[in-house]
């Protein structure tokens, strides 16, 4: 028996969708904002559909290497990656970017469509806490970069 797992988290960021997309869709940025991500082997830019990268991930059970492939690249609207794992089945992550006036709603959607078991309440709490920290890091880093870029363009 397998379980389908689905979790979404979002945040409002004071930057255009393109600025956020270019940052988070470059997997080399992941270790800057995602505690579990330790090393990325891949091109240092936002990746396009069909491109692949490798991530070294540190979780409670130890080090894991994930081989990701980009399955959707629609700048600046959406980006999706997928990795196969032997411990929780496939992992699918989708980012969406929606302009709302002067801010962008950035959503990170995590799915495990064929997880071998349901996550525990403690696992869900850790995932939510890590997502909130990650989104806050993205917001801070992108807003700092966008403000600096805007200031240099005005100068």
C-alpha atoms as a PDB file:
ATOM      1  CA  UNK A   1       0.000   0.000   0.000  1.00  0.00           C
ATOM      2  CA  UNK A   2       1.222   3.499  -0.738  1.00  0.00           C
ATOM      3  CA  UNK A   3       0.139   6.934   0.439  1.00  0.00           C
ATOM      4  CA  UNK A   4      -0.099  10.125  -1.548  1.00  0.00           C
ATOM      5  CA  UNK A   5       1.413  13.022   0.368  1.00  0.00           C
ATOM      6  CA  UNK A   6       0.878  16.671  -0.517  1.00  0.00           C
ATOM      7  CA  UNK A   7       2.071  19.842   1.237  1.00  0.00           C
ATOM      8  CA  UNK A   8       1.964  23.506   0.121  1.00  0.00           C
ATOM      9  CA  UNK A   9       3.548  26.573   1.649  1.00  0.00           C
ATOM     10  CA  UNK A  10       3.585  30.125   0.323  1.00  0.00           C
ATOM     11  CA  UNK A  11       4.905  33.579   1.110  1.00  0.00           C
ATOM     12  CA  UNK A  12       4.590  37.102  -0.304  1.00  0.00           C
ATOM     13  CA  UNK A  13       7.868  38.514  -1.618  1.00  0.00           C
ATOM     14  CA  UNK A  14       8.483  42.150  -2.590  1.00  0.00           C
ATOM     15  CA  UNK A  15      10.060  41.386  -5.972  1.00  0.00           C
ATOM     16  CA  UNK A  16       8.820  40.509  -9.454  1.00  0.00           C
ATOM     17  CA  UNK A  17       8.190  36.834 -10.318  1.00  0.00           C
ATOM     18  CA  UNK A  18      11.236  36.753 -12.635  1.00  0.00           C
ATOM     19  CA  UNK A  19      13.621  37.689  -9.794  1.00  0.00           C
ATOM     20  CA  UNK A  20      12.259  34.962  -7.536  1.00  0.00           C
ATOM     21  CA  UNK A  21      12.134  32.405 -10.360  1.00  0.00           C
ATOM     22  CA  UNK A  22      15.732  33.060 -11.405  1.00  0.00           C
ATOM     23  CA  UNK A  23      16.875  32.565  -7.798  1.00  0.00           C
ATOM     24  CA  UNK A  24      14.921  29.506  -6.592  1.00  0.00           C
ATOM     25  CA  UNK A  25      14.953  27.652  -9.942  1.00  0.00           C
ATOM     26  CA  UNK A  26      18.748  27.699  -9.816  1.00  0.00           C
ATOM     27  CA  UNK A  27      19.332  24.660  -7.590  1.00  0.00           C
ATOM     28  CA  UNK A  28      22.741  26.066  -6.610  1.00  0.00           C
ATOM     29  CA  UNK A  29      20.803  28.550  -4.439  1.00  0.00           C
ATOM     30  CA  UNK A  30      19.126  25.769  -2.446  1.00  0.00           C
ATOM     31  CA  UNK A  31      21.877  25.347   0.194  1.00  0.00           C
ATOM     32  CA  UNK A  32      21.536  29.093   0.926  1.00  0.00           C
ATOM     33  CA  UNK A  33      17.930  28.733   2.089  1.00  0.00           C
ATOM     34  CA  UNK A  34      17.186  25.023   2.605  1.00  0.00           C
ATOM     35  CA  UNK A  35      18.814  23.422   5.670  1.00  0.00           C
ATOM     36  CA  UNK A  36      18.694  19.845   4.302  1.00  0.00           C
ATOM     37  CA  UNK A  37      20.444  20.767   1.035  1.00  0.00           C
ATOM     38  CA  UNK A  38      24.241  20.607   1.333  1.00  0.00           C
ATOM     39  CA  UNK A  39      25.698  20.361  -2.157  1.00  0.00           C
ATOM     40  CA  UNK A  40      24.439  20.763  -5.708  1.00  0.00           C
ATOM     41  CA  UNK A  41      26.120  19.408  -8.828  1.00  0.00           C
ATOM     42  CA  UNK A  42      24.578  21.194 -11.799  1.00  0.00           C
ATOM     43  CA  UNK A  43      24.643  24.343 -13.897  1.00  0.00           C
ATOM     44  CA  UNK A  44      24.632  27.588 -11.875  1.00  0.00           C
ATOM     45  CA  UNK A  45      21.474  29.138 -13.344  1.00  0.00           C
ATOM     46  CA  UNK A  46      17.727  28.525 -13.514  1.00  0.00           C
ATOM     47  CA  UNK A  47      17.385  25.150 -15.233  1.00  0.00           C
ATOM     48  CA  UNK A  48      15.161  24.343 -18.210  1.00  0.00           C
ATOM     49  CA  UNK A  49      12.895  21.370 -18.894  1.00  0.00           C
ATOM     50  CA  UNK A  50      14.889  18.172 -19.344  1.00  0.00           C
ATOM     51  CA  UNK A  51      17.982  19.385 -17.481  1.00  0.00           C
ATOM     52  CA  UNK A  52      19.227  17.379 -14.509  1.00  0.00           C
ATOM     53  CA  UNK A  53      21.198  18.026 -11.328  1.00  0.00           C
ATOM     54  CA  UNK A  54      22.323  16.101  -8.258  1.00  0.00           C
ATOM     55  CA  UNK A  55      21.679  17.211  -4.689  1.00  0.00           C
ATOM     56  CA  UNK A  56      23.353  15.991  -1.532  1.00  0.00           C
ATOM     57  CA  UNK A  57      20.724  16.102   1.154  1.00  0.00           C
ATOM     58  CA  UNK A  58      21.152  15.663   4.896  1.00  0.00           C
ATOM     59  CA  UNK A  59      18.126  14.329   6.739  1.00  0.00           C
ATOM     60  CA  UNK A  60      17.590  12.598  10.075  1.00  0.00           C
ATOM     61  CA  UNK A  61      18.508   9.238   8.555  1.00  0.00           C
ATOM     62  CA  UNK A  62      21.816  10.603   7.225  1.00  0.00           C
ATOM     63  CA  UNK A  63      23.163  11.703   3.863  1.00  0.00           C
ATOM     64  CA  UNK A  64      21.084  11.039   0.747  1.00  0.00           C
ATOM     65  CA  UNK A  65      21.902  11.827  -2.883  1.00  0.00           C
ATOM     66  CA  UNK A  66      18.962  12.853  -5.048  1.00  0.00           C
ATOM     67  CA  UNK A  67      19.063  12.921  -8.836  1.00  0.00           C
ATOM     68  CA  UNK A  68      16.577  15.547 -10.013  1.00  0.00           C
ATOM     69  CA  UNK A  69      15.191  16.253 -13.465  1.00  0.00           C
ATOM     70  CA  UNK A  70      13.320  19.414 -14.444  1.00  0.00           C
ATOM     71  CA  UNK A  71       9.913  18.398 -15.825  1.00  0.00           C
ATOM     72  CA  UNK A  72       8.460  21.909 -16.251  1.00  0.00           C
ATOM     73  CA  UNK A  73      10.118  25.245 -16.884  1.00  0.00           C
ATOM     74  CA  UNK A  74       7.692  28.087 -17.595  1.00  0.00           C
ATOM     75  CA  UNK A  75       9.495  31.298 -16.595  1.00  0.00           C
ATOM     76  CA  UNK A  76       8.229  33.242 -14.650  1.00  0.00           C
ATOM     77  CA  UNK A  77       5.088  31.230 -13.839  1.00  0.00           C
ATOM     78  CA  UNK A  78       6.024  27.710 -12.739  1.00  0.00           C
ATOM     79  CA  UNK A  79       8.884  25.232 -12.379  1.00  0.00           C
ATOM     80  CA  UNK A  80       8.722  21.536 -11.467  1.00  0.00           C
ATOM     81  CA  UNK A  81      11.382  18.950 -10.613  1.00  0.00           C
ATOM     82  CA  UNK A  82      11.180  15.263  -9.791  1.00  0.00           C
ATOM     83  CA  UNK A  83      13.514  12.767  -8.103  1.00  0.00           C
ATOM     84  CA  UNK A  84      13.109   9.031  -7.560  1.00  0.00           C
ATOM     85  CA  UNK A  85      14.027   7.686  -4.116  1.00  0.00           C
ATOM     86  CA  UNK A  86      14.081   4.233  -2.569  1.00  0.00           C
ATOM     87  CA  UNK A  87      13.011   5.499   0.865  1.00  0.00           C
ATOM     88  CA  UNK A  88       9.862   7.606   0.191  1.00  0.00           C
ATOM     89  CA  UNK A  89       9.148   7.039  -3.479  1.00  0.00           C
ATOM     90  CA  UNK A  90       9.137   9.837  -6.032  1.00  0.00           C
ATOM     91  CA  UNK A  91       9.466  13.418  -4.828  1.00  0.00           C
ATOM     92  CA  UNK A  92       7.863  16.146  -6.931  1.00  0.00           C
ATOM     93  CA  UNK A  93       8.444  19.818  -6.126  1.00  0.00           C
ATOM     94  CA  UNK A  94       6.587  22.564  -7.984  1.00  0.00           C
ATOM     95  CA  UNK A  95       7.149  26.287  -7.573  1.00  0.00           C
ATOM     96  CA  UNK A  96       4.581  28.832  -8.734  1.00  0.00           C
ATOM     97  CA  UNK A  97       4.872  32.621  -8.918  1.00  0.00           C
ATOM     98  CA  UNK A  98       1.790  34.894  -8.961  1.00  0.00           C
ATOM     99  CA  UNK A  99       2.077  38.676  -9.270  1.00  0.00           C
ATOM    100  CA  UNK A 100      -0.192  40.542  -6.847  1.00  0.00           C
ATOM    101  CA  UNK A 101       0.443  44.273  -7.220  1.00  0.00           C
ATOM    102  CA  UNK A 102       3.912  45.097  -5.888  1.00  0.00           C
ATOM    103  CA  UNK A 103       4.469  41.614  -4.460  1.00  0.00           C
ATOM    104  CA  UNK A 104       4.667  38.066  -5.750  1.00  0.00           C
ATOM    105  CA  UNK A 105       3.027  35.095  -4.096  1.00  0.00           C
ATOM    106  CA  UNK A 106       5.617  32.320  -4.198  1.00  0.00           C
ATOM    107  CA  UNK A 107       4.276  28.819  -3.523  1.00  0.00           C
ATOM    108  CA  UNK A 108       6.331  25.679  -2.913  1.00  0.00           C
ATOM    109  CA  UNK A 109       4.297  22.514  -3.464  1.00  0.00           C
ATOM    110  CA  UNK A 110       5.818  19.202  -2.336  1.00  0.00           C
ATOM    111  CA  UNK A 111       4.307  15.856  -3.344  1.00  0.00           C
ATOM    112  CA  UNK A 112       5.179  12.238  -2.713  1.00  0.00           C
ATOM    113  CA  UNK A 113       2.611  10.472  -4.919  1.00  0.00           C
ATOM    114  CA  UNK A 114       3.583   6.945  -3.804  1.00  0.00           C
ATOM    115  CA  UNK A 115       5.004   7.180  -0.293  1.00  0.00           C
ATOM    116  CA  UNK A 116       5.359   3.768   1.428  1.00  0.00           C
ATOM    117  CA  UNK A 117       3.798   5.070   4.665  1.00  0.00           C
ATOM    118  CA  UNK A 118       2.007   8.136   5.912  1.00  0.00           C
ATOM    119  CA  UNK A 119       4.236  10.726   7.613  1.00  0.00           C
ATOM    120  CA  UNK A 120       3.917  10.975  11.384  1.00  0.00           C
ATOM    121  CA  UNK A 121       2.617  14.115  13.078  1.00  0.00           C
ATOM    122  CA  UNK A 122       6.197  14.856  14.197  1.00  0.00           C
ATOM    123  CA  UNK A 123       7.460  14.527  10.607  1.00  0.00           C
ATOM    124  CA  UNK A 124       4.717  16.858   9.366  1.00  0.00           C
ATOM    125  CA  UNK A 125       5.580  19.396  12.045  1.00  0.00           C
ATOM    126  CA  UNK A 126       9.295  19.279  11.100  1.00  0.00           C
ATOM    127  CA  UNK A 127       8.464  19.618   7.386  1.00  0.00           C
ATOM    128  CA  UNK A 128       6.235  22.619   8.061  1.00  0.00           C
ATOM    129  CA  UNK A 129       8.824  24.262  10.316  1.00  0.00           C
ATOM    130  CA  UNK A 130      11.590  23.727   7.733  1.00  0.00           C
ATOM    131  CA  UNK A 131       9.351  25.085   4.960  1.00  0.00           C
ATOM    132  CA  UNK A 132       8.533  28.233   6.946  1.00  0.00           C
ATOM    133  CA  UNK A 133      12.239  28.842   7.631  1.00  0.00           C
ATOM    134  CA  UNK A 134      13.133  28.168   3.978  1.00  0.00           C
ATOM    135  CA  UNK A 135      10.477  30.555   2.666  1.00  0.00           C
ATOM    136  CA  UNK A 136      11.563  33.267   5.096  1.00  0.00           C
ATOM    137  CA  UNK A 137      15.167  32.796   3.906  1.00  0.00           C
ATOM    138  CA  UNK A 138      14.094  33.058   0.251  1.00  0.00           C
ATOM    139  CA  UNK A 139      12.071  36.197   0.990  1.00  0.00           C
ATOM    140  CA  UNK A 140      14.999  37.848   2.796  1.00  0.00           C
ATOM    141  CA  UNK A 141      17.614  36.902   0.179  1.00  0.00           C
ATOM    142  CA  UNK A 142      15.511  37.782  -2.885  1.00  0.00           C
ATOM    143  CA  UNK A 143      14.280  41.076  -1.416  1.00  0.00           C
ATOM    144  CA  UNK A 144      17.867  42.075  -0.521  1.00  0.00           C
ATOM    145  CA  UNK A 145      19.094  41.237  -4.027  1.00  0.00           C
ATOM    146  CA  UNK A 146      16.155  42.957  -5.696  1.00  0.00           C
ATOM    147  CA  UNK A 147      16.568  46.113  -3.579  1.00  0.00           C
ATOM    148  CA  UNK A 148      20.303  46.240  -4.372  1.00  0.00           C
ATOM    149  CA  UNK A 149      19.668  45.683  -8.083  1.00  0.00           C
ATOM    150  CA  UNK A 150      16.954  48.359  -8.152  1.00  0.00           C
ATOM    151  CA  UNK A 151      19.204  50.831  -6.320  1.00  0.00           C
ATOM    152  CA  UNK A 152      22.093  50.261  -8.731  1.00  0.00           C
ATOM    153  CA  UNK A 153      19.765  50.765 -11.707  1.00  0.00           C
ATOM    154  CA  UNK A 154      18.564  54.079 -10.247  1.00  0.00           C
ATOM    155  CA  UNK A 155      22.144  55.267  -9.626  1.00  0.00           C
END
